[in-house]
Amino acid sequence: MYDTSAIGVALRCVASESFPAGFTITEFADDADPFDIPAIDIATPAMNVNGDLVVFSAPTPITITISVIPGSDADNNLAVIFEANRAAKNKRHARDEITLVGTYPDGSSLKLSEGKMTNGMPGNSPASAGRIKSKTYTFAFQNLSRTRA
């Protein structure tokens, strides 16, 4: 039997300038994936003029999107990182280097390092359902390591 329950999953976020001690994220949204790591291409195939398969690899950033409850501690902390790193005229941005460590109920973990926040919501938006939309923040990372339970 395989138990794939995600109850108890948590993320630890460290931002080198804004939150050097880090904070834990557990207030995940209920209307979006808590954190999503989409598939990435690790090689690109092509065919040459003679019909031979040619494959090449190039480094690809690892992206992750985190969705949290609006107004939660996690949202407030992620919003601080977003604003601190948002470039604007006459504004010095923090240049945070992000590390995320995810822990899973089965004891496994995932570490994403040498990352940057690349996207976020600068404010709250209402949804047609009559509630505030979940807040999503996107990161890109250079490195990933996993431990298995």
N, C-alpha and C. Protein backbone atom coordinates (compact mmCIF):
# COMPACT_ATOMS: atom_id res chain seq x y z
N MET A 1 0.84 -1.17 0.00
CA MET A 1 0.00 0.00 0.00
C MET A 1 0.89 1.24 0.00
N TYR A 2 0.45 2.26 -0.70
CA TYR A 2 1.17 3.53 -0.76
C TYR A 2 0.30 4.62 -0.17
N ASP A 3 0.84 5.38 0.76
CA ASP A 3 0.12 6.50 1.35
C ASP A 3 0.75 7.78 0.82
N THR A 4 0.01 8.51 0.02
CA THR A 4 0.53 9.73 -0.59
C THR A 4 -0.04 11.00 0.05
N SER A 5 -0.47 10.90 1.29
CA SER A 5 -1.03 12.05 1.99
C SER A 5 0.00 13.16 2.12
N ALA A 6 -0.46 14.39 1.97
CA ALA A 6 0.42 15.56 2.09
C ALA A 6 0.18 16.33 3.38
N ILE A 7 -0.67 15.80 4.25
CA ILE A 7 -0.98 16.49 5.50
C ILE A 7 0.28 16.61 6.34
N GLY A 8 0.62 17.83 6.73
CA GLY A 8 1.81 18.08 7.54
C GLY A 8 2.99 18.60 6.76
N VAL A 9 2.82 18.83 5.45
CA VAL A 9 3.92 19.36 4.65
C VAL A 9 4.21 20.80 5.09
N ALA A 10 5.49 21.17 5.06
CA ALA A 10 5.91 22.51 5.47
C ALA A 10 7.11 22.95 4.64
N LEU A 11 7.28 24.25 4.52
CA LEU A 11 8.43 24.83 3.84
C LEU A 11 9.16 25.77 4.79
N ARG A 12 10.45 25.74 4.75
CA ARG A 12 11.27 26.71 5.49
C ARG A 12 11.91 27.62 4.45
N CYS A 13 11.69 28.92 4.58
CA CYS A 13 12.19 29.89 3.62
C CYS A 13 13.25 30.77 4.28
N VAL A 14 14.42 30.83 3.66
CA VAL A 14 15.49 31.71 4.13
C VAL A 14 15.80 32.68 2.99
N ALA A 15 15.73 33.98 3.28
CA ALA A 15 16.10 35.03 2.34
C ALA A 15 17.34 35.72 2.91
N SER A 16 18.43 35.70 2.19
CA SER A 16 19.74 36.10 2.73
C SER A 16 19.76 37.48 3.36
N GLU A 17 18.99 38.42 2.86
CA GLU A 17 18.98 39.78 3.40
C GLU A 17 17.71 40.06 4.22
N SER A 18 16.55 39.70 3.68
CA SER A 18 15.28 40.05 4.32
C SER A 18 14.95 39.17 5.52
N PHE A 19 15.23 37.87 5.44
CA PHE A 19 14.94 36.93 6.52
C PHE A 19 16.10 35.94 6.67
N PRO A 20 17.25 36.39 7.16
CA PRO A 20 18.40 35.48 7.26
C PRO A 20 18.18 34.32 8.23
N ALA A 21 17.31 34.49 9.23
CA ALA A 21 16.99 33.39 10.15
C ALA A 21 15.91 32.49 9.58
N GLY A 22 15.21 32.96 8.58
CA GLY A 22 14.17 32.17 7.93
C GLY A 22 12.85 32.16 8.68
N PHE A 23 11.85 31.58 8.02
CA PHE A 23 10.52 31.41 8.60
C PHE A 23 9.89 30.18 7.98
N THR A 24 8.93 29.61 8.69
CA THR A 24 8.27 28.38 8.24
C THR A 24 6.92 28.73 7.60
N ILE A 25 6.64 28.08 6.48
CA ILE A 25 5.38 28.28 5.77
C ILE A 25 4.52 27.04 5.93
N THR A 26 3.36 27.20 6.56
CA THR A 26 2.39 26.11 6.68
C THR A 26 0.99 26.57 6.31
N GLU A 27 0.79 27.87 6.10
CA GLU A 27 -0.54 28.43 5.82
C GLU A 27 -0.81 28.39 4.32
N PHE A 28 -0.91 27.18 3.77
CA PHE A 28 -1.10 27.02 2.34
C PHE A 28 -2.56 27.26 1.94
N ALA A 29 -2.74 27.75 0.73
CA ALA A 29 -4.07 28.05 0.21
C ALA A 29 -4.88 26.77 0.03
N ASP A 30 -6.21 26.91 0.12
CA ASP A 30 -7.09 25.76 -0.08
C ASP A 30 -7.67 25.70 -1.49
N ASP A 31 -7.45 26.76 -2.29
CA ASP A 31 -8.03 26.80 -3.62
C ASP A 31 -6.97 26.78 -4.73
N ALA A 32 -5.74 26.46 -4.37
CA ALA A 32 -4.65 26.34 -5.32
C ALA A 32 -3.65 25.33 -4.76
N ASP A 33 -2.79 24.80 -5.62
CA ASP A 33 -1.77 23.87 -5.14
C ASP A 33 -0.87 24.58 -4.14
N PRO A 34 -0.61 23.97 -2.97
CA PRO A 34 0.20 24.61 -1.93
C PRO A 34 1.57 25.05 -2.45
N PHE A 35 2.31 24.12 -3.00
CA PHE A 35 3.49 24.50 -3.75
C PHE A 35 3.65 23.53 -4.91
N ASP A 36 3.91 24.14 -6.06
CA ASP A 36 3.91 23.39 -7.31
C ASP A 36 5.29 23.48 -7.95
N ILE A 37 5.82 22.32 -8.29
CA ILE A 37 7.09 22.24 -9.00
C ILE A 37 6.78 21.63 -10.36
N PRO A 38 6.66 22.45 -11.40
CA PRO A 38 6.31 21.91 -12.72
C PRO A 38 7.47 21.13 -13.34
N ALA A 39 7.14 20.30 -14.30
CA ALA A 39 8.15 19.54 -15.03
C ALA A 39 9.06 20.49 -15.80
N ILE A 40 10.33 20.09 -15.94
CA ILE A 40 11.27 20.88 -16.73
C ILE A 40 11.90 19.98 -17.79
N ASP A 41 12.27 20.57 -18.91
CA ASP A 41 12.97 19.84 -19.95
C ASP A 41 14.44 19.76 -19.58
N ILE A 42 15.00 18.55 -19.59
CA ILE A 42 16.41 18.38 -19.26
C ILE A 42 17.26 18.14 -20.51
N ALA A 43 16.61 17.96 -21.65
CA ALA A 43 17.32 17.80 -22.91
C ALA A 43 16.39 18.25 -24.04
N THR A 44 17.00 18.72 -25.13
CA THR A 44 16.24 19.16 -26.29
C THR A 44 16.59 18.27 -27.47
N PRO A 45 15.60 17.57 -28.02
CA PRO A 45 15.86 16.72 -29.18
C PRO A 45 15.64 17.49 -30.49
N ALA A 46 16.40 17.11 -31.50
CA ALA A 46 16.23 17.66 -32.84
C ALA A 46 16.68 16.59 -33.83
N MET A 47 16.32 16.78 -35.07
CA MET A 47 16.75 15.86 -36.13
C MET A 47 17.63 16.65 -37.10
N ASN A 48 18.75 16.04 -37.50
CA ASN A 48 19.58 16.72 -38.49
C ASN A 48 19.05 16.44 -39.89
N VAL A 49 19.69 16.99 -40.88
CA VAL A 49 19.22 16.88 -42.27
C VAL A 49 19.19 15.43 -42.76
N ASN A 50 19.98 14.54 -42.17
CA ASN A 50 19.99 13.14 -42.58
C ASN A 50 19.06 12.27 -41.74
N GLY A 51 18.30 12.89 -40.85
CA GLY A 51 17.34 12.14 -40.05
C GLY A 51 17.90 11.56 -38.76
N ASP A 52 19.13 11.95 -38.41
CA ASP A 52 19.73 11.48 -37.16
C ASP A 52 19.21 12.30 -35.99
N LEU A 53 18.95 11.62 -34.89
CA LEU A 53 18.53 12.31 -33.68
C LEU A 53 19.74 12.99 -33.05
N VAL A 54 19.60 14.27 -32.77
CA VAL A 54 20.62 15.05 -32.09
C VAL A 54 19.98 15.58 -30.82
N VAL A 55 20.65 15.35 -29.70
CA VAL A 55 20.11 15.79 -28.41
C VAL A 55 21.16 16.63 -27.71
N PHE A 56 20.72 17.72 -27.11
CA PHE A 56 21.65 18.53 -26.33
C PHE A 56 20.98 18.95 -25.03
N SER A 57 21.80 19.12 -24.03
CA SER A 57 21.31 19.54 -22.72
C SER A 57 21.86 20.91 -22.39
N ALA A 58 21.06 21.67 -21.68
CA ALA A 58 21.47 22.99 -21.19
C ALA A 58 20.87 23.17 -19.81
N PRO A 59 21.56 23.87 -18.93
CA PRO A 59 21.00 24.09 -17.60
C PRO A 59 19.65 24.81 -17.68
N THR A 60 18.76 24.41 -16.82
CA THR A 60 17.41 24.97 -16.77
C THR A 60 17.08 25.33 -15.33
N PRO A 61 16.55 26.53 -15.09
CA PRO A 61 16.17 26.85 -13.72
C PRO A 61 15.01 25.97 -13.25
N ILE A 62 14.99 25.70 -11.97
CA ILE A 62 13.91 24.93 -11.35
C ILE A 62 12.95 25.95 -10.74
N THR A 63 11.72 25.98 -11.23
CA THR A 63 10.75 26.94 -10.72
C THR A 63 9.80 26.27 -9.74
N ILE A 64 9.34 27.05 -8.79
CA ILE A 64 8.36 26.58 -7.81
C ILE A 64 7.42 27.73 -7.53
N THR A 65 6.14 27.41 -7.44
CA THR A 65 5.13 28.40 -7.09
C THR A 65 4.51 28.01 -5.76
N ILE A 66 4.46 28.97 -4.85
CA ILE A 66 3.88 28.76 -3.52
C ILE A 66 2.59 29.56 -3.45
N SER A 67 1.50 28.93 -3.01
CA SER A 67 0.21 29.60 -2.83
C SER A 67 -0.15 29.57 -1.35
N VAL A 68 -0.39 30.76 -0.79
CA VAL A 68 -0.66 30.87 0.64
C VAL A 68 -1.97 31.62 0.88
N ILE A 69 -2.46 31.53 2.10
CA ILE A 69 -3.68 32.22 2.51
C ILE A 69 -3.37 33.72 2.59
N PRO A 70 -4.19 34.56 1.94
CA PRO A 70 -3.94 36.00 2.00
C PRO A 70 -4.04 36.51 3.44
N GLY A 71 -3.08 37.35 3.81
CA GLY A 71 -3.07 37.93 5.15
C GLY A 71 -2.44 37.06 6.22
N SER A 72 -2.04 35.84 5.87
CA SER A 72 -1.40 34.95 6.85
C SER A 72 0.03 35.43 7.12
N ASP A 73 0.65 34.88 8.16
CA ASP A 73 2.05 35.22 8.44
C ASP A 73 2.93 34.89 7.24
N ALA A 74 2.68 33.76 6.60
CA ALA A 74 3.47 33.38 5.43
C ALA A 74 3.31 34.41 4.32
N ASP A 75 2.07 34.85 4.06
CA ASP A 75 1.82 35.86 3.03
C ASP A 75 2.54 37.16 3.39
N ASN A 76 2.42 37.59 4.63
CA ASN A 76 3.06 38.84 5.05
C ASN A 76 4.58 38.76 4.88
N ASN A 77 5.19 37.64 5.25
CA ASN A 77 6.64 37.49 5.11
C ASN A 77 7.07 37.41 3.64
N LEU A 78 6.31 36.66 2.84
CA LEU A 78 6.63 36.58 1.41
C LEU A 78 6.44 37.93 0.73
N ALA A 79 5.45 38.70 1.17
CA ALA A 79 5.23 40.05 0.62
C ALA A 79 6.40 40.97 0.94
N VAL A 80 7.01 40.79 2.12
CA VAL A 80 8.19 41.58 2.48
C VAL A 80 9.34 41.25 1.53
N ILE A 81 9.55 39.96 1.25
CA ILE A 81 10.60 39.55 0.31
C ILE A 81 10.30 40.11 -1.08
N PHE A 82 9.04 40.01 -1.51
CA PHE A 82 8.63 40.53 -2.82
C PHE A 82 8.97 42.01 -2.94
N GLU A 83 8.52 42.80 -1.98
CA GLU A 83 8.73 44.26 -2.05
C GLU A 83 10.20 44.62 -1.90
N ALA A 84 10.93 43.91 -1.05
CA ALA A 84 12.35 44.19 -0.86
C ALA A 84 13.16 43.92 -2.12
N ASN A 85 12.69 43.00 -2.96
CA ASN A 85 13.43 42.61 -4.16
C ASN A 85 12.84 43.17 -5.45
N ARG A 86 11.73 43.90 -5.34
CA ARG A 86 11.12 44.52 -6.53
C ARG A 86 11.94 45.74 -6.92
N ALA A 87 12.44 45.73 -8.14
CA ALA A 87 13.22 46.87 -8.62
C ALA A 87 12.28 48.00 -9.03
N ALA A 88 12.69 49.21 -8.73
CA ALA A 88 11.92 50.40 -9.11
C ALA A 88 12.86 51.59 -9.14
N LYS A 89 12.42 52.64 -9.79
CA LYS A 89 13.22 53.86 -9.88
C LYS A 89 13.49 54.41 -8.48
N ASN A 90 14.73 54.80 -8.24
CA ASN A 90 15.17 55.37 -6.96
C ASN A 90 14.95 54.43 -5.77
N LYS A 91 14.99 53.13 -6.02
CA LYS A 91 14.78 52.14 -4.97
C LYS A 91 15.91 51.13 -5.02
N ARG A 92 16.52 50.88 -3.89
CA ARG A 92 17.56 49.85 -3.80
C ARG A 92 16.89 48.53 -3.45
N HIS A 93 17.12 47.50 -4.26
CA HIS A 93 16.50 46.22 -3.95
C HIS A 93 17.47 45.32 -3.18
N ALA A 94 16.90 44.38 -2.43
CA ALA A 94 17.65 43.60 -1.45
C ALA A 94 18.60 42.57 -2.05
N ARG A 95 18.33 42.09 -3.24
CA ARG A 95 19.15 41.04 -3.86
C ARG A 95 19.22 39.78 -3.01
N ASP A 96 18.08 39.42 -2.43
CA ASP A 96 18.01 38.22 -1.60
C ASP A 96 18.36 36.97 -2.39
N GLU A 97 19.14 36.08 -1.78
CA GLU A 97 19.32 34.73 -2.30
C GLU A 97 18.42 33.84 -1.45
N ILE A 98 17.57 33.07 -2.11
CA ILE A 98 16.54 32.30 -1.42
C ILE A 98 16.94 30.83 -1.33
N THR A 99 16.68 30.24 -0.17
CA THR A 99 16.77 28.79 0.04
C THR A 99 15.43 28.33 0.59
N LEU A 100 14.87 27.29 0.00
CA LEU A 100 13.63 26.68 0.50
C LEU A 100 13.92 25.23 0.85
N VAL A 101 13.43 24.81 2.01
CA VAL A 101 13.53 23.40 2.41
C VAL A 101 12.12 22.91 2.70
N GLY A 102 11.67 21.94 1.91
CA GLY A 102 10.35 21.34 2.11
C GLY A 102 10.47 20.05 2.88
N THR A 103 9.62 19.88 3.88
CA THR A 103 9.58 18.62 4.63
C THR A 103 8.22 17.98 4.42
N TYR A 104 8.23 16.67 4.23
CA TYR A 104 7.02 15.92 3.91
C TYR A 104 6.67 14.98 5.06
N PRO A 105 5.40 14.58 5.14
CA PRO A 105 4.95 13.74 6.25
C PRO A 105 5.66 12.38 6.34
N ASP A 106 6.18 11.89 5.22
CA ASP A 106 6.85 10.59 5.24
C ASP A 106 8.31 10.69 5.70
N GLY A 107 8.76 11.90 6.04
CA GLY A 107 10.13 12.09 6.50
C GLY A 107 11.10 12.52 5.42
N SER A 108 10.67 12.56 4.17
CA SER A 108 11.55 13.01 3.10
C SER A 108 11.63 14.54 3.09
N SER A 109 12.63 15.06 2.40
CA SER A 109 12.78 16.51 2.31
C SER A 109 13.31 16.89 0.94
N LEU A 110 13.14 18.15 0.62
CA LEU A 110 13.56 18.72 -0.65
C LEU A 110 14.21 20.06 -0.35
N LYS A 111 15.43 20.26 -0.84
CA LYS A 111 16.12 21.54 -0.63
C LYS A 111 16.36 22.19 -1.98
N LEU A 112 15.88 23.43 -2.11
CA LEU A 112 16.11 24.24 -3.30
C LEU A 112 16.98 25.41 -2.87
N SER A 113 18.10 25.61 -3.56
CA SER A 113 19.03 26.66 -3.13
C SER A 113 19.50 27.51 -4.30
N GLU A 114 20.16 28.61 -3.94
CA GLU A 114 20.64 29.60 -4.90
C GLU A 114 19.49 30.07 -5.79
N GLY A 115 18.45 30.60 -5.13
CA GLY A 115 17.25 31.00 -5.84
C GLY A 115 16.93 32.47 -5.71
N LYS A 116 15.96 32.89 -6.51
CA LYS A 116 15.43 34.25 -6.50
C LYS A 116 13.92 34.19 -6.59
N MET A 117 13.26 35.13 -5.92
CA MET A 117 11.82 35.31 -6.14
C MET A 117 11.68 36.01 -7.49
N THR A 118 10.85 35.47 -8.36
CA THR A 118 10.71 36.02 -9.71
C THR A 118 9.33 36.61 -9.99
N ASN A 119 8.34 36.29 -9.16
CA ASN A 119 6.98 36.74 -9.45
C ASN A 119 6.19 36.73 -8.15
N GLY A 120 5.27 37.66 -8.04
CA GLY A 120 4.41 37.70 -6.87
C GLY A 120 3.26 38.66 -7.10
N MET A 121 2.35 38.67 -6.16
CA MET A 121 1.18 39.55 -6.26
C MET A 121 1.41 40.75 -5.35
N PRO A 122 1.45 41.97 -5.91
CA PRO A 122 1.76 43.15 -5.11
C PRO A 122 0.64 43.60 -4.18
N GLY A 123 -0.52 42.99 -4.30
CA GLY A 123 -1.64 43.36 -3.44
C GLY A 123 -2.69 42.27 -3.44
N ASN A 124 -3.79 42.51 -2.74
CA ASN A 124 -4.89 41.55 -2.68
C ASN A 124 -5.86 41.79 -3.82
N SER A 125 -6.34 40.70 -4.41
CA SER A 125 -7.33 40.77 -5.48
C SER A 125 -8.55 39.98 -5.08
N PRO A 126 -9.76 40.54 -5.29
CA PRO A 126 -10.97 39.78 -4.98
C PRO A 126 -11.29 38.79 -6.09
N ALA A 127 -11.81 37.64 -5.72
CA ALA A 127 -12.26 36.64 -6.69
C ALA A 127 -13.77 36.77 -6.86
N SER A 128 -14.28 36.29 -7.97
CA SER A 128 -15.72 36.38 -8.22
C SER A 128 -16.52 35.56 -7.22
N ALA A 129 -15.88 34.62 -6.54
CA ALA A 129 -16.56 33.80 -5.53
C ALA A 129 -16.81 34.57 -4.23
N GLY A 130 -16.31 35.82 -4.16
CA GLY A 130 -16.56 36.63 -2.99
C GLY A 130 -15.49 36.56 -1.92
N ARG A 131 -14.34 36.04 -2.25
CA ARG A 131 -13.24 35.95 -1.30
C ARG A 131 -11.99 36.55 -1.92
N ILE A 132 -11.00 36.80 -1.10
CA ILE A 132 -9.72 37.30 -1.60
C ILE A 132 -8.98 36.12 -2.23
N LYS A 133 -8.40 36.36 -3.42
CA LYS A 133 -7.65 35.31 -4.10
C LYS A 133 -6.44 34.89 -3.27
N SER A 134 -6.11 33.62 -3.37
CA SER A 134 -4.89 33.12 -2.73
C SER A 134 -3.70 33.86 -3.31
N LYS A 135 -2.70 34.07 -2.48
CA LYS A 135 -1.50 34.78 -2.93
C LYS A 135 -0.47 33.77 -3.41
N THR A 136 0.05 34.00 -4.60
CA THR A 136 1.04 33.10 -5.17
C THR A 136 2.36 33.85 -5.36
N TYR A 137 3.43 33.14 -5.10
CA TYR A 137 4.78 33.67 -5.26
C TYR A 137 5.59 32.62 -6.00
N THR A 138 6.36 33.06 -6.99
CA THR A 138 7.14 32.14 -7.81
C THR A 138 8.63 32.39 -7.59
N PHE A 139 9.37 31.31 -7.56
CA PHE A 139 10.81 31.35 -7.36
C PHE A 139 11.49 30.54 -8.46
N ALA A 140 12.74 30.88 -8.76
CA ALA A 140 13.58 30.09 -9.66
C ALA A 140 14.85 29.73 -8.89
N PHE A 141 15.26 28.46 -9.01
CA PHE A 141 16.42 27.97 -8.26
C PHE A 141 17.44 27.33 -9.19
N GLN A 142 18.68 27.38 -8.74
CA GLN A 142 19.77 26.77 -9.48
C GLN A 142 20.00 25.32 -9.06
N ASN A 143 19.82 25.03 -7.78
CA ASN A 143 20.15 23.69 -7.26
C ASN A 143 18.98 23.05 -6.53
N LEU A 144 18.94 21.73 -6.59
CA LEU A 144 17.92 20.93 -5.91
C LEU A 144 18.59 19.68 -5.35
N SER A 145 18.25 19.35 -4.11
CA SER A 145 18.69 18.07 -3.54
C SER A 145 17.53 17.49 -2.75
N ARG A 146 17.48 16.16 -2.69
CA ARG A 146 16.38 15.47 -2.00
C ARG A 146 16.93 14.42 -1.06
N THR A 147 16.18 14.20 0.01
CA THR A 147 16.43 13.04 0.85
C THR A 147 15.15 12.22 0.85
N ARG A 148 15.30 10.94 0.81
CA ARG A 148 14.13 10.06 0.79
C ARG A 148 13.92 9.46 2.16
N ALA A 149 12.67 9.17 2.45
CA ALA A 149 12.33 8.59 3.76
C ALA A 149 12.78 7.15 3.84
